[in-house]
Structure formats: C-alpha cells, structure tokens
Amino acid sequence: MTDTLSSTQARRIALAAQGFTRTRPASVAGRHVHRVMDRLGVLQIDSVNVFARSHYLPLFSRLGAYEPALLDRVFLSRTTHYVEYLAHEATFIPIQDWPLWRFRMEDFRRRWAGDDSWMSSNARTVQWVQDELRARGPLRPADLRADAPRERGTWWDWDDVKLALEHLWRVGDVAISGRRGFERTYALAEHVIPDGIRSEEVSRGDAILELTRRAARSSGVATQSDLADYYRIRDRAAVARSIADLADAGELQPVQVRGWERGGRPLAAWRHRDAVLPRGIDAAAILTPFDPVVWFRDRALRAFELDYRIEIYVPAEKRRYGYYSLPVLVGDRIVARVDLKADRATSTLQVQSAWWEPQARPGDAEPIAAELTLAAEWQGLENVSVSGWGDATDALHAALANSRAVGRHLHARENRT
C-alpha cells in the first residue's frame, strides 16, 4: 500500500532528515560538526566569499554561531576525519568513504584513457607531477609552479601542471591533504588515505546501492531524481535498481506526495524507514544555495516553491535578486532570499537585496531579522544594514529596528536593576 503525504508533511520530513528539528547547542564543539556531517554525508565547497564561503554555512544554519576555525580544524587538518572528492561537486567526505568513489575514479580513468585525451597527450607532465609529490610530499600548486624546469619550454606551462593535479585527483591517484587559506595542498593518495581504507574493494553496484541508501536517509522523502542528484549519480538505471533493492528490503517505503507531479501525473517517491514526521519545524536559518535542502533545483521548486538560479555570472544590471542571494528558511517554508555582503571596513553585514518567496507569511520578518543579527555576530560584524532593493527590505528594516529598540530597552532596564 502506498501512503500519501501532504506537501507540508514532506517538507517537514525532509527538514528533519537534514537536522532542523534539533535545538542549536549553546556551545559548538567538534562532536556537533560530526553529527551534522552524519546527516548530510557531504559538505559542498565553494570559493565565493562575499559573506562567508559556502561550506561554512550549513553548520551555521543548523548549529548557529560557531567559531569558523573549528571547521578548519575538523576538515582541513592533516589528521582530519574528512577528505575532498567529487561526491556532488567538490565536497568534503568522510575519509572512510574513499572506496565508495572508486567507481567514479575509474569512470574518469576510462574516459581519459584514449590517445587523444589530455592525460595521454600530457603524459610527461603527469609523470613529473607524480614524481615530485612522491619525492617531496604534499605540495601546493604554487610550489610546483616555482620549481618547474622552465628551460623545457611550453611543456611546463603552469596551466598544464595545475591540470595534471586536478586530473590525478579525479582518478584517485592524488588526494587533497589540506588547504592553506583556500589553496589546496595535493599529495599522492597513499600519503593521505590510510592503507586499510585505500585497499578496500567496493563494486560499482554496491557503491551506488550504499550511496542511494544514504541519499534516502539524508533526504527523508525523495523521488528517484532527488536520490540520483544527491551524489550526482548519472547511472539512473543503477539508482533505480538500488531503489528497488532497498524497497524489497523494507528500507524504503513508496509514497505519494500531493503536489509532486510531472505532466499532471504524480511522481513516484520513497520515504526512508527511519524518517521522522515532526509536528512542526521550529527553525529559522539562512541557507547556502549549495545546502542539500535546496541544491537540486527541481526538488527546491517542487518542495519549497523556490525557483533558484545563481546570478554570479549575470551582468549586474540584469540580476533579478542579487549577486549571491541566500534562501531563508522559517519553520518548514523557504520564505525569502537575501543577498548578503560582509563589509569588513565598516564592520557591517549588508543586506544588499531581500525578496519574499511565495510561501512567506506575515510575521516572517522578525525571525529573519534575528537570524541576520546572529549572522553578523558570527562573522564578527557590529552592524546590519538593509538596502532598498527588493520587496522584503522595508519589513526587514522595520524588524531590525524594532529588535534593536527592544535590545536597548532591555539593556537599560538591566542597568537600572
């Protein structure tokens, strides 16, 4: 029998699976970071740093203000539990999951095996890079650039050295051993991944089955496309087989979600057996566009009525919402998007634009204002300013002004007592 869920129930299940029913801790420690990673499975990395780099935001969304250096210690130290790979786009993954991605590494290797491939055409560069890493240990691209024997001409072009590192990383011969600032440090995989993990054999079918299982647990309720996109698995037939096997084993339960349709027909969906349906979601959070809640555009539109496109590459005069607008969650709804910038010179979090989404309701401005104030504190900024661009700016400006007035009143009352 196929159960039927309302769209609201589906959203609540999905948000619970992503950790939004948990109370934010008073003080964030490493165990809280690991707990979030257990739910997400991956943490997508992005370089844009207008407000905060994307990989810092999912932890803030779920845990509240934390020391960003904690993320650096957990994910970027040489003794880390995590390593980088293309598990969605570039992401942090648990280091023990390295064998699960061997099928993807081998796909890259087969794709580049031909005589006309870049790796074949640049075999000497690739070999030189591997020899340098073997002899010298972990290196930044800049280290290789400085030491490349330039007398050999264009073969040692800097772009080729960088490309060699990236190709070797994709096929699994090289791993990311850390970062200095935001610059990657590369090493041979054998110098980063413990032997017991690196030697583990996982077949393609078993890997896709396990990744589908994890995607279902992290999604709560999902369609086949949702599950395939979570880890960017392009072999849809393998995902379909995995769903069937998991359903036969009782790990997935078929459901229909009202409103989840295509061409007027309901989409098949599955609920993970451990998924919880909370009575409500008492949360407010600023999300990165690369948060698993919204990173698959089809799912974001279907579940949250959020039609999202990043406008980084859109000319400024043609942007509708702003350079890097961030979705805002209130309760179980995506209610707004805000384009944030951390102006360090004036110690101000600038809300460069703010827009309501279709699911917004009266009263949503107050929790958003509180979250913006927390975001400013998290980034060490003293002020929040709101521009006039967007239909949510007046309400946010008023809510921020009111929260400041209340704060001043409470502070004065405390001083009197």
Protein backbone atom coordinates (compact mmCIF):
# COMPACT_ATOMS: atom_id res chain seq x y z
CA MET A 1 0.00 0.00 0.00
CA THR A 2 1.29 3.46 -0.95
CA ASP A 3 0.88 6.14 1.70
CA THR A 4 0.01 9.71 0.76
CA LEU A 5 1.73 12.73 2.29
CA SER A 6 0.81 16.38 2.04
CA SER A 7 3.46 18.73 0.68
CA THR A 8 3.82 20.20 4.18
CA GLN A 9 4.44 16.76 5.68
CA ALA A 10 7.02 16.01 3.01
CA ARG A 11 8.86 19.26 3.75
CA ARG A 12 8.89 18.52 7.47
CA ILE A 13 10.22 15.01 6.90
CA ALA A 14 12.94 16.39 4.61
CA LEU A 15 13.98 19.11 7.05
CA ALA A 16 14.00 16.68 9.98
CA ALA A 17 16.28 14.38 7.98
CA GLN A 18 18.61 17.36 7.48
CA GLY A 19 18.79 18.12 11.20
CA PHE A 20 16.48 21.12 11.51
CA THR A 21 14.48 19.68 14.42
CA ARG A 22 17.47 19.69 16.75
CA THR A 23 17.98 22.56 19.20
CA ARG A 24 21.10 24.55 18.47
CA PRO A 25 23.76 23.93 21.12
CA ALA A 26 24.82 26.71 23.47
CA SER A 27 28.44 25.98 22.58
CA VAL A 28 29.51 24.21 19.38
CA ALA A 29 32.17 21.51 19.61
CA GLY A 30 33.66 19.02 17.18
CA ARG A 31 31.06 16.38 18.04
CA HIS A 32 28.31 18.69 16.79
CA VAL A 33 30.13 19.12 13.48
CA HIS A 34 30.46 15.35 13.08
CA ARG A 35 26.77 14.94 13.90
CA VAL A 36 25.80 17.36 11.13
CA MET A 37 28.08 15.51 8.71
CA ASP A 38 26.45 12.22 9.66
CA ARG A 39 23.16 13.67 8.43
CA LEU A 40 24.45 15.50 5.34
CA GLY A 41 27.01 12.94 4.19
CA VAL A 42 28.88 15.62 2.24
CA LEU A 43 29.71 19.29 2.60
CA GLN A 44 29.98 21.16 -0.69
CA ILE A 45 32.93 23.54 -1.07
CA ASP A 46 32.71 26.88 -2.83
CA SER A 47 35.18 29.76 -3.17
CA VAL A 48 32.77 32.73 -3.24
CA ASN A 49 33.47 34.76 -0.10
CA VAL A 50 31.26 37.84 -0.27
CA PHE A 51 29.57 36.92 3.01
CA ALA A 52 31.04 33.54 4.01
CA ARG A 53 32.27 30.65 1.91
CA SER A 54 29.51 28.15 1.24
CA HIS A 55 30.93 25.24 3.23
CA TYR A 56 30.82 27.28 6.44
CA LEU A 57 27.09 27.97 6.10
CA PRO A 58 25.39 24.56 6.55
CA LEU A 59 26.94 24.29 10.01
CA PHE A 60 25.78 27.81 10.88
CA SER A 61 22.29 27.02 9.53
CA ARG A 62 21.96 24.01 11.82
CA LEU A 63 24.19 24.82 14.81
CA GLY A 64 24.06 28.61 15.00
CA ALA A 65 27.08 30.79 15.63
CA TYR A 66 30.29 28.76 15.92
CA GLU A 67 33.96 29.54 15.61
CA PRO A 68 34.88 29.19 11.90
CA ALA A 69 38.32 27.96 12.96
CA LEU A 70 36.55 24.86 14.30
CA LEU A 71 35.59 23.91 10.75
CA ASP A 72 39.18 24.43 9.66
CA ARG A 73 40.45 22.16 12.43
CA VAL A 74 37.90 19.43 11.73
CA PHE A 75 38.10 19.42 7.94
CA LEU A 76 41.49 20.84 6.97
CA SER A 77 43.98 19.47 9.48
CA ARG A 78 46.36 16.71 8.43
CA THR A 79 44.73 14.38 10.99
CA THR A 80 41.24 15.06 9.69
CA HIS A 81 38.37 12.58 9.53
CA TYR A 82 37.50 14.03 6.13
CA VAL A 83 38.95 14.37 2.68
CA GLU A 84 37.86 16.10 -0.53
CA TYR A 85 36.34 14.45 -3.56
CA LEU A 86 33.69 14.98 -6.24
CA ALA A 87 30.83 13.44 -4.28
CA HIS A 88 28.39 16.04 -5.58
CA GLU A 89 30.57 18.82 -6.81
CA ALA A 90 33.80 19.33 -4.84
CA THR A 91 32.90 18.27 -1.32
CA PHE A 92 34.29 17.13 1.98
CA ILE A 93 33.50 13.46 2.58
CA PRO A 94 34.33 11.07 5.44
CA ILE A 95 37.75 9.64 4.67
CA GLN A 96 36.46 6.09 5.16
CA ASP A 97 34.13 6.66 2.19
CA TRP A 98 37.03 6.89 -0.27
CA PRO A 99 36.41 3.33 -1.58
CA LEU A 100 32.78 4.21 -2.37
CA TRP A 101 34.03 6.63 -5.00
CA ARG A 102 36.38 4.29 -6.79
CA PHE A 103 33.70 3.66 -9.42
CA ARG A 104 33.70 7.39 -10.21
CA MET A 105 37.50 7.49 -10.24
CA GLU A 106 37.54 4.59 -12.67
CA ASP A 107 34.94 6.30 -14.86
CA PHE A 108 37.29 9.27 -15.16
CA ARG A 109 40.23 6.98 -15.84
CA ARG A 110 38.40 5.18 -18.66
CA ARG A 111 37.23 8.47 -20.14
CA TRP A 112 40.80 9.74 -20.28
CA ALA A 113 42.46 6.51 -21.43
CA GLY A 114 42.35 7.32 -25.14
CA ASP A 115 45.40 8.53 -27.05
CA ASP A 116 43.69 11.85 -27.77
CA SER A 117 42.86 12.60 -24.13
CA TRP A 118 44.56 15.38 -22.21
CA MET A 119 46.25 12.92 -19.83
CA SER A 120 47.71 10.89 -22.67
CA SER A 121 48.83 13.98 -24.55
CA ASN A 122 50.49 15.36 -21.43
CA ALA A 123 51.87 12.12 -20.00
CA ARG A 124 55.30 13.63 -19.24
CA THR A 125 53.74 16.45 -17.22
CA VAL A 126 51.56 13.99 -15.31
CA GLN A 127 54.53 11.75 -14.54
CA TRP A 128 56.70 14.70 -13.42
CA VAL A 129 53.97 15.89 -11.05
CA GLN A 130 53.62 12.41 -9.54
CA ASP A 131 57.38 12.10 -9.14
CA GLU A 132 57.57 15.47 -7.36
CA LEU A 133 54.79 14.51 -4.95
CA ARG A 134 56.44 11.16 -4.27
CA ALA A 135 59.80 12.76 -3.59
CA ARG A 136 58.71 15.87 -1.70
CA GLY A 137 55.38 15.03 -0.08
CA PRO A 138 52.33 17.34 -0.05
CA LEU A 139 52.68 20.40 -2.28
CA ARG A 140 50.64 23.40 -3.28
CA PRO A 141 50.32 24.14 -6.98
CA ALA A 142 52.44 27.24 -6.32
CA ASP A 143 55.24 25.01 -5.02
CA LEU A 144 55.27 23.06 -8.26
CA ARG A 145 54.99 26.22 -10.29
CA ALA A 146 58.06 27.68 -8.59
CA ASP A 147 60.17 24.57 -9.16
CA ALA A 148 59.09 23.51 -12.65
CA PRO A 149 62.11 23.35 -15.03
CA ARG A 150 61.22 26.25 -17.30
CA GLU A 151 64.04 25.58 -19.75
CA ARG A 152 61.91 22.85 -21.31
CA GLY A 153 59.51 25.35 -22.79
CA THR A 154 55.78 25.33 -23.05
CA TRP A 155 55.51 21.69 -21.90
CA TRP A 156 55.91 23.11 -18.38
CA ASP A 157 53.12 25.63 -18.81
CA TRP A 158 51.63 26.42 -15.40
CA ASP A 159 48.11 25.56 -16.53
CA ASP A 160 49.30 22.08 -17.52
CA VAL A 161 50.78 21.46 -14.07
CA LYS A 162 47.55 22.53 -12.40
CA LEU A 163 45.50 20.42 -14.81
CA ALA A 164 47.71 17.41 -14.10
CA LEU A 165 46.98 17.73 -10.38
CA GLU A 166 43.26 18.02 -11.00
CA HIS A 167 43.20 15.03 -13.36
CA LEU A 168 45.21 12.91 -10.94
CA TRP A 169 42.82 13.86 -8.14
CA ARG A 170 39.79 12.85 -10.17
CA VAL A 171 41.21 9.41 -10.97
CA GLY A 172 42.19 8.88 -7.32
CA ASP A 173 45.98 8.81 -7.70
CA VAL A 174 46.24 12.10 -5.82
CA ALA A 175 44.26 13.34 -2.80
CA ILE A 176 43.83 16.74 -1.19
CA SER A 177 45.88 16.72 2.00
CA GLY A 178 44.66 20.08 3.29
CA ARG A 179 44.40 23.75 2.41
CA ARG A 180 46.45 26.84 3.18
CA GLY A 181 43.96 29.65 3.19
CA PHE A 182 41.78 28.43 0.37
CA GLU A 183 44.60 26.96 -1.73
CA ARG A 184 44.65 23.19 -1.94
CA THR A 185 47.62 21.07 -0.98
CA TYR A 186 47.98 17.89 -3.06
CA ALA A 187 49.66 14.61 -2.18
CA LEU A 188 49.76 11.09 -3.51
CA ALA A 189 46.67 9.26 -2.31
CA GLU A 190 48.86 6.73 -0.49
CA HIS A 191 50.19 9.59 1.67
CA VAL A 192 46.69 10.76 2.67
CA ILE A 193 44.33 7.77 2.65
CA PRO A 194 45.20 5.01 5.17
CA ASP A 195 46.20 1.74 3.53
CA GLY A 196 43.32 -0.20 5.04
CA ILE A 197 40.80 2.22 3.53
CA ARG A 198 42.56 2.61 0.21
CA SER A 199 42.81 -1.15 -0.32
CA GLU A 200 39.14 -1.80 0.38
CA GLU A 201 37.26 -3.06 -2.67
CA VAL A 202 33.67 -1.91 -3.28
CA SER A 203 31.96 -2.87 -6.52
CA ARG A 204 30.19 -0.27 -8.61
CA GLY A 205 26.80 -1.79 -7.84
CA ASP A 206 27.43 -1.98 -4.11
CA ALA A 207 28.74 1.60 -4.04
CA ILE A 208 25.69 3.00 -5.82
CA LEU A 209 23.40 0.94 -3.57
CA GLU A 210 25.07 2.37 -0.46
CA LEU A 211 25.04 5.94 -1.81
CA THR A 212 21.36 5.63 -2.72
CA ARG A 213 20.65 4.38 0.80
CA ARG A 214 22.49 7.35 2.29
CA ALA A 215 20.81 9.82 -0.04
CA ALA A 216 17.43 8.45 1.04
CA ARG A 217 18.33 8.78 4.72
CA SER A 218 19.58 12.34 4.22
CA SER A 219 16.53 13.30 2.15
CA GLY A 220 13.82 11.72 4.29
CA VAL A 221 11.42 11.54 1.36
CA ALA A 222 12.56 11.78 -2.24
CA THR A 223 11.98 10.92 -5.88
CA GLN A 224 14.41 8.88 -7.96
CA SER A 225 15.80 12.10 -9.46
CA ASP A 226 16.33 13.52 -5.97
CA LEU A 227 18.24 10.42 -4.90
CA ALA A 228 20.36 10.37 -8.05
CA ASP A 229 21.25 14.04 -7.74
CA TYR A 230 22.31 13.88 -4.09
CA TYR A 231 25.59 12.25 -5.09
CA ARG A 232 25.34 13.20 -8.80
CA ILE A 233 24.98 9.60 -9.95
CA ARG A 234 24.34 9.69 -13.69
CA ASP A 235 23.63 5.96 -13.99
CA ARG A 236 19.89 6.27 -13.43
CA ALA A 237 19.32 2.57 -14.15
CA ALA A 238 21.67 1.67 -11.29
CA VAL A 239 19.84 4.09 -8.98
CA ALA A 240 16.50 2.53 -9.99
CA ARG A 241 17.84 -0.95 -9.22
CA SER A 242 19.14 0.28 -5.87
CA ILE A 243 15.75 1.79 -5.00
CA ALA A 244 14.04 -1.50 -5.87
CA ASP A 245 16.50 -3.47 -3.72
CA LEU A 246 16.08 -1.07 -0.79
CA ALA A 247 12.30 -1.19 -1.12
CA ASP A 248 12.37 -5.01 -1.18
CA ALA A 249 14.48 -4.92 1.99
CA GLY A 250 11.98 -2.60 3.67
CA GLU A 251 14.42 0.31 3.93
CA LEU A 252 12.39 2.46 1.53
CA GLN A 253 8.61 2.78 1.51
CA PRO A 254 6.73 4.01 -1.57
CA VAL A 255 4.72 7.18 -1.01
CA GLN A 256 2.86 9.80 -2.99
CA VAL A 257 3.22 13.47 -2.13
CA ARG A 258 0.36 15.74 -3.07
CA GLY A 259 1.64 18.37 -5.47
CA TRP A 260 4.70 16.37 -6.52
CA GLU A 261 3.69 15.90 -10.13
CA ARG A 262 5.02 16.00 -13.65
CA GLY A 263 2.76 16.39 -16.65
CA GLY A 264 -0.27 16.13 -14.39
CA ARG A 265 0.80 12.73 -13.07
CA PRO A 266 2.05 12.05 -9.55
CA LEU A 267 5.76 11.37 -9.19
CA ALA A 268 6.85 8.14 -7.55
CA ALA A 269 8.56 8.87 -4.26
CA TRP A 270 10.06 6.91 -1.38
CA ARG A 271 10.30 7.55 2.34
CA HIS A 272 13.22 6.20 4.30
CA ARG A 273 12.11 3.85 7.07
CA ASP A 274 13.90 5.94 9.71
CA ALA A 275 12.42 9.23 8.51
CA VAL A 276 10.51 11.15 11.18
CA LEU A 277 7.47 13.34 10.59
CA PRO A 278 7.62 16.10 13.23
CA ARG A 279 4.54 18.03 14.25
CA GLY A 280 6.28 21.20 13.18
CA ILE A 281 9.66 22.73 12.41
CA ASP A 282 10.68 25.47 14.83
CA ALA A 283 13.67 26.82 12.95
CA ALA A 284 14.96 29.88 11.16
CA ALA A 285 18.07 29.58 9.03
CA ILE A 286 20.00 31.29 6.27
CA LEU A 287 20.92 28.63 3.72
CA THR A 288 23.64 28.49 1.14
CA PRO A 289 22.48 27.68 -2.41
CA PHE A 290 24.71 24.60 -2.03
CA ASP A 291 22.85 23.26 1.01
CA PRO A 292 21.37 19.80 0.32
CA VAL A 293 17.95 21.21 1.23
CA VAL A 294 17.91 23.34 -1.94
CA TRP A 295 20.88 22.37 -4.13
CA PHE A 296 18.76 20.34 -6.59
CA ARG A 297 16.67 22.92 -8.40
CA ASP A 298 13.84 20.54 -9.31
CA ARG A 299 13.40 19.48 -5.70
CA ALA A 300 13.64 23.05 -4.35
CA LEU A 301 10.90 24.15 -6.73
CA ARG A 302 8.72 21.11 -6.09
CA ALA A 303 9.05 21.06 -2.30
CA PHE A 304 9.55 24.72 -1.40
CA GLU A 305 8.32 26.69 -4.43
CA LEU A 306 11.85 28.08 -4.63
CA ASP A 307 12.85 28.80 -8.23
CA TYR A 308 16.54 29.46 -7.73
CA ARG A 309 19.35 30.38 -10.10
CA ILE A 310 22.72 31.73 -9.03
CA GLU A 311 23.30 35.14 -10.60
CA ILE A 312 27.06 35.42 -10.11
CA TYR A 313 27.64 35.28 -13.85
CA VAL A 314 24.69 37.50 -14.76
CA PRO A 315 25.63 41.14 -15.57
CA ALA A 316 24.79 43.37 -12.61
CA GLU A 317 22.15 45.33 -14.48
CA LYS A 318 20.32 42.12 -15.40
CA ARG A 319 20.27 40.49 -11.97
CA ARG A 320 16.84 39.96 -10.51
CA TYR A 321 17.76 39.08 -6.93
CA GLY A 322 21.44 39.89 -6.49
CA TYR A 323 24.94 38.51 -6.91
CA TYR A 324 24.69 35.60 -4.47
CA SER A 325 21.28 35.56 -2.81
CA LEU A 326 20.75 33.07 0.01
CA PRO A 327 17.44 31.27 0.67
CA VAL A 328 15.96 31.81 4.12
CA LEU A 329 14.07 29.11 6.00
CA VAL A 330 11.39 29.92 8.58
CA GLY A 331 9.60 26.93 10.04
CA ASP A 332 9.07 24.45 7.22
CA ARG A 333 8.99 27.10 4.49
CA ILE A 334 11.54 28.91 2.31
CA VAL A 335 10.13 32.40 2.79
CA ALA A 336 12.72 34.81 1.39
CA ARG A 337 16.10 35.24 -0.22
CA VAL A 338 18.73 37.75 0.89
CA ASP A 339 21.89 38.91 -0.86
CA LEU A 340 24.47 39.39 1.88
CA LYS A 341 27.87 41.03 1.95
CA ALA A 342 30.28 41.27 4.87
CA ASP A 343 31.76 44.78 4.73
CA ARG A 344 34.77 44.37 7.00
CA ALA A 345 35.86 48.01 6.64
CA THR A 346 32.66 49.28 8.29
CA SER A 347 32.00 46.11 10.34
CA THR A 348 28.60 45.82 8.68
CA LEU A 349 26.56 42.94 7.35
CA GLN A 350 24.97 44.47 4.28
CA VAL A 351 21.63 43.09 3.12
CA GLN A 352 22.08 44.19 -0.48
CA SER A 353 18.66 42.91 -1.51
CA ALA A 354 15.80 40.99 0.10
CA TRP A 355 12.84 39.34 -1.57
CA TRP A 356 9.80 37.42 -0.39
CA GLU A 357 9.09 33.95 -1.72
CA PRO A 358 5.61 32.53 -2.43
CA GLN A 359 5.46 30.72 0.94
CA ALA A 360 6.11 33.87 3.00
CA ARG A 361 3.60 34.84 5.69
CA PRO A 362 3.02 37.92 7.87
CA GLY A 363 5.42 37.87 10.78
CA ASP A 364 8.30 36.18 8.94
CA ALA A 365 10.41 39.35 9.05
CA GLU A 366 11.06 39.03 12.79
CA PRO A 367 12.78 35.63 12.77
CA ILE A 368 14.73 36.64 9.66
CA ALA A 369 15.91 39.81 11.42
CA ALA A 370 17.03 37.73 14.39
CA GLU A 371 18.93 35.37 12.09
CA LEU A 372 20.60 38.29 10.29
CA THR A 373 21.70 39.71 13.64
CA LEU A 374 23.12 36.31 14.60
CA ALA A 375 24.87 36.05 11.22
CA ALA A 376 26.53 39.42 11.78
CA GLU A 377 27.72 38.34 15.23
CA TRP A 378 29.00 35.04 13.79
CA GLN A 379 31.10 36.95 11.27
CA GLY A 380 32.33 39.42 13.89
CA LEU A 381 30.37 42.35 12.45
CA GLU A 382 28.82 45.04 14.63
CA ASN A 383 26.03 46.33 12.38
CA VAL A 384 23.35 45.19 9.93
CA SER A 385 22.20 47.47 7.12
CA VAL A 386 19.37 46.89 4.64
CA SER A 387 19.24 48.40 1.16
CA GLY A 388 16.03 49.39 -0.60
CA TRP A 389 16.27 46.74 -3.35
CA GLY A 390 13.61 44.07 -3.01
CA ASP A 391 10.05 43.73 -1.75
CA ALA A 392 11.15 42.40 1.66
CA THR A 393 13.54 45.22 2.57
CA ASP A 394 11.04 47.53 4.30
CA ALA A 395 9.75 44.75 6.56
CA LEU A 396 13.28 43.58 7.41
CA HIS A 397 14.44 47.13 8.11
CA ALA A 398 11.49 47.65 10.48
CA ALA A 399 12.03 44.28 12.21
CA LEU A 400 15.73 45.02 12.72
CA ALA A 401 14.96 48.48 14.06
CA ASN A 402 12.40 47.02 16.45
CA SER A 403 14.78 44.33 17.67
CA ARG A 404 17.44 46.98 18.33
CA ALA A 405 14.90 49.09 20.25
CA VAL A 406 13.88 46.09 22.34
CA GLY A 407 17.52 45.27 22.94
CA ARG A 408 18.28 48.83 24.08
CA HIS A 409 15.22 48.79 26.37
CA LEU A 410 16.25 45.50 27.99
CA HIS A 411 19.82 46.73 28.37
CA ALA A 412 18.62 49.94 30.05
CA ARG A 413 16.28 48.00 32.36
CA GLU A 414 19.12 45.65 33.34
CA ASN A 415 21.33 48.63 34.10
CA ARG A 416 18.61 50.18 36.32
CA THR A 417 18.26 46.97 38.29
